[in-house]
C-alpha atoms as a PDB file:
ATOM      1  CA  MET A   1       3.409 -56.956 -14.854  1.00  0.00           C
ATOM      2  CA  TRP A   2       3.104 -57.414 -11.108  1.00  0.00           C
ATOM      3  CA  SER A   3       4.888 -60.182  -9.307  1.00  0.00           C
ATOM      4  CA  LEU A   4       3.408 -61.166  -5.988  1.00  0.00           C
ATOM      5  CA  SER A   5       5.335 -62.695  -3.165  1.00  0.00           C
ATOM      6  CA  VAL A   6       4.425 -63.606   0.360  1.00  0.00           C
ATOM      7  CA  GLY A   7       5.533 -61.206   3.064  1.00  0.00           C
ATOM      8  CA  ALA A   8       6.449 -57.541   2.955  1.00  0.00           C
ATOM      9  CA  GLY A   9       6.485 -57.447  -0.851  1.00  0.00           C
ATOM     10  CA  LEU A  10       2.769 -58.261  -0.976  1.00  0.00           C
ATOM     11  CA  ALA A  11       1.999 -55.281   1.224  1.00  0.00           C
ATOM     12  CA  VAL A  12       3.911 -52.997  -1.154  1.00  0.00           C
ATOM     13  CA  VAL A  13       2.029 -54.321  -4.197  1.00  0.00           C
ATOM     14  CA  GLU A  14      -1.309 -53.960  -2.397  1.00  0.00           C
ATOM     15  CA  GLU A  15      -0.403 -50.408  -1.387  1.00  0.00           C
ATOM     16  CA  ARG A  16       0.454 -49.500  -4.988  1.00  0.00           C
ATOM     17  CA  VAL A  17      -2.836 -50.922  -6.264  1.00  0.00           C
ATOM     18  CA  VAL A  18      -4.793 -49.022  -3.604  1.00  0.00           C
ATOM     19  CA  ASN A  19      -2.908 -45.788  -4.363  1.00  0.00           C
ATOM     20  CA  ILE A  20      -3.555 -46.108  -8.107  1.00  0.00           C
ATOM     21  CA  ALA A  21      -7.255 -46.845  -7.571  1.00  0.00           C
ATOM     22  CA  TYR A  22      -7.554 -43.912  -5.148  1.00  0.00           C
ATOM     23  CA  ARG A  23      -5.731 -41.532  -7.491  1.00  0.00           C
ATOM     24  CA  ASP A  24      -7.843 -42.507 -10.488  1.00  0.00           C
ATOM     25  CA  ARG A  25     -11.068 -42.034  -8.529  1.00  0.00           C
ATOM     26  CA  VAL A  26     -10.097 -38.801  -6.787  1.00  0.00           C
ATOM     27  CA  ASP A  27      -8.639 -37.027  -9.823  1.00  0.00           C
ATOM     28  CA  GLU A  28     -12.075 -36.867 -11.459  1.00  0.00           C
ATOM     29  CA  GLU A  29     -14.205 -36.500  -8.330  1.00  0.00           C
ATOM     30  CA  PRO A  30     -15.870 -33.053  -8.241  1.00  0.00           C
ATOM     31  CA  VAL A  31     -15.300 -30.722  -5.301  1.00  0.00           C
ATOM     32  CA  LEU A  32     -18.157 -28.522  -4.136  1.00  0.00           C
ATOM     33  CA  ILE A  33     -17.247 -25.032  -2.966  1.00  0.00           C
ATOM     34  CA  LYS A  34     -19.942 -22.919  -1.355  1.00  0.00           C
ATOM     35  CA  LEU A  35     -19.687 -19.136  -1.446  1.00  0.00           C
ATOM     36  CA  THR A  36     -22.067 -16.396  -0.505  1.00  0.00           C
ATOM     37  CA  ARG A  37     -23.184 -14.234  -3.399  1.00  0.00           C
ATOM     38  CA  GLY A  38     -20.927 -11.460  -2.076  1.00  0.00           C
ATOM     39  CA  GLN A  39     -17.915 -13.767  -1.883  1.00  0.00           C
ATOM     40  CA  ALA A  40     -18.620 -14.989  -5.410  1.00  0.00           C
ATOM     41  CA  PHE A  41     -18.885 -11.403  -6.679  1.00  0.00           C
ATOM     42  CA  VAL A  42     -15.569 -10.345  -5.125  1.00  0.00           C
ATOM     43  CA  LEU A  43     -13.849 -13.551  -6.262  1.00  0.00           C
ATOM     44  CA  SER A  44     -15.119 -13.045  -9.807  1.00  0.00           C
ATOM     45  CA  ASP A  45     -13.607  -9.565  -9.913  1.00  0.00           C
ATOM     46  CA  TRP A  46     -10.328 -10.784  -8.436  1.00  0.00           C
ATOM     47  CA  LEU A  47     -10.070 -13.635 -10.943  1.00  0.00           C
ATOM     48  CA  TYR A  48     -10.694 -11.190 -13.776  1.00  0.00           C
ATOM     49  CA  GLU A  49      -8.027  -8.807 -12.487  1.00  0.00           C
ATOM     50  CA  VAL A  50      -5.460 -11.557 -11.989  1.00  0.00           C
ATOM     51  CA  THR A  51      -6.062 -13.432 -15.227  1.00  0.00           C
ATOM     52  CA  ILE A  52      -6.982 -10.688 -17.691  1.00  0.00           C
ATOM     53  CA  GLU A  53      -6.193  -7.182 -16.507  1.00  0.00           C
ATOM     54  CA  SER A  54      -2.854  -7.715 -14.800  1.00  0.00           C
ATOM     55  CA  GLY A  55      -1.208  -8.891 -17.995  1.00  0.00           C
ATOM     56  CA  LYS A  56       0.533 -11.567 -15.968  1.00  0.00           C
ATOM     57  CA  LEU A  57      -0.698 -14.838 -17.343  1.00  0.00           C
ATOM     58  CA  VAL A  58      -0.689 -17.760 -14.978  1.00  0.00           C
ATOM     59  CA  PRO A  59       2.367 -19.732 -16.130  1.00  0.00           C
ATOM     60  CA  ASP A  60       1.034 -23.140 -15.070  1.00  0.00           C
ATOM     61  CA  ARG A  61      -1.321 -24.162 -17.872  1.00  0.00           C
ATOM     62  CA  ALA A  62      -2.863 -26.906 -15.723  1.00  0.00           C
ATOM     63  CA  VAL A  63      -4.155 -24.217 -13.361  1.00  0.00           C
ATOM     64  CA  TRP A  64      -6.231 -22.751 -16.194  1.00  0.00           C
ATOM     65  CA  SER A  65      -8.541 -25.757 -16.033  1.00  0.00           C
ATOM     66  CA  ALA A  66      -9.467 -24.858 -12.458  1.00  0.00           C
ATOM     67  CA  ILE A  67      -9.595 -21.109 -13.141  1.00  0.00           C
ATOM     68  CA  ASP A  68     -11.944 -21.699 -16.045  1.00  0.00           C
ATOM     69  CA  ALA A  69     -14.117 -24.075 -14.010  1.00  0.00           C
ATOM     70  CA  ILE A  70     -14.551 -21.362 -11.369  1.00  0.00           C
ATOM     71  CA  SER A  71     -14.733 -18.273 -13.586  1.00  0.00           C
ATOM     72  CA  ARG A  72     -17.339 -19.408 -16.094  1.00  0.00           C
ATOM     73  CA  PRO A  73     -20.128 -20.168 -13.607  1.00  0.00           C
ATOM     74  CA  LEU A  74     -19.400 -16.938 -11.743  1.00  0.00           C
ATOM     75  CA  GLU A  75     -19.660 -14.880 -14.923  1.00  0.00           C
ATOM     76  CA  THR A  76     -22.870 -16.569 -16.025  1.00  0.00           C
ATOM     77  CA  THR A  77     -24.710 -16.462 -12.681  1.00  0.00           C
ATOM     78  CA  LEU A  78     -23.791 -13.040 -11.312  1.00  0.00           C
ATOM     79  CA  PRO A  79     -25.803 -10.245 -12.937  1.00  0.00           C
ATOM     80  CA  GLU A  80     -23.830  -7.752 -10.809  1.00  0.00           C
ATOM     81  CA  VAL A  81     -20.892  -8.227 -13.167  1.00  0.00           C
ATOM     82  CA  PHE A  82     -22.828  -6.546 -15.982  1.00  0.00           C
ATOM     83  CA  MET A  83     -24.582  -3.773 -14.042  1.00  0.00           C
ATOM     84  CA  PRO A  84     -23.674  -0.143 -14.742  1.00  0.00           C
ATOM     85  CA  ASP A  85     -22.888   0.520 -11.064  1.00  0.00           C
ATOM     86  CA  TYR A  86     -20.494  -2.455 -10.926  1.00  0.00           C
ATOM     87  CA  LEU A  87     -17.644  -0.690  -9.119  1.00  0.00           C
ATOM     88  CA  GLY A  88     -19.912   0.801  -6.462  1.00  0.00           C
ATOM     89  CA  ARG A  89     -21.559  -2.548  -5.815  1.00  0.00           C
ATOM     90  CA  LEU A  90     -18.167  -4.238  -5.683  1.00  0.00           C
ATOM     91  CA  ASP A  91     -16.848  -1.733  -3.147  1.00  0.00           C
ATOM     92  CA  GLN A  92     -19.960  -2.081  -0.962  1.00  0.00           C
ATOM     93  CA  THR A  93     -19.714  -5.862  -1.105  1.00  0.00           C
ATOM     94  CA  ARG A  94     -16.014  -5.801  -0.239  1.00  0.00           C
ATOM     95  CA  GLN A  95     -16.690  -3.552   2.752  1.00  0.00           C
ATOM     96  CA  ARG A  96     -19.487  -5.839   4.004  1.00  0.00           C
ATOM     97  CA  LEU A  97     -17.230  -8.886   3.717  1.00  0.00           C
ATOM     98  CA  LEU A  98     -14.357  -7.139   5.487  1.00  0.00           C
ATOM     99  CA  HIS A  99     -16.685  -5.982   8.256  1.00  0.00           C
ATOM    100  CA  ALA A 100     -18.071  -9.525   8.646  1.00  0.00           C
ATOM    101  CA  MET A 101     -14.498 -10.797   9.007  1.00  0.00           C
ATOM    102  CA  GLY A 102     -13.853  -8.267  11.751  1.00  0.00           C
ATOM    103  CA  GLY A 103     -11.505  -6.045   9.857  1.00  0.00           C
ATOM    104  CA  GLY A 104     -11.393  -2.842   7.942  1.00  0.00           C
ATOM    105  CA  GLU A 105      -9.857  -2.125   4.573  1.00  0.00           C
ATOM    106  CA  GLY A 106      -7.356  -4.820   3.693  1.00  0.00           C
END
């Protein structure tokens, strides 16, 4: 139960109400991330390596919600992931991205 008083206390109560309303709205607000197809391809491979192949599970279970939200659309929209020349395509894409960033192998 909130008790309101005139003066500085009212400002604190108002701030709490605003913070709660903001938090509740922002926690569920979607965030749009735009990637090129090449960036998505390289990210998909990296996510797979980090989450599956490395054997090092991400210890923070809350992070899995975000990893899953990113990984699933990548896996279902990138046919490159299932092509027989996957590794060659991945290497070519990595090199193009590195070149575009102004660097070599990194």
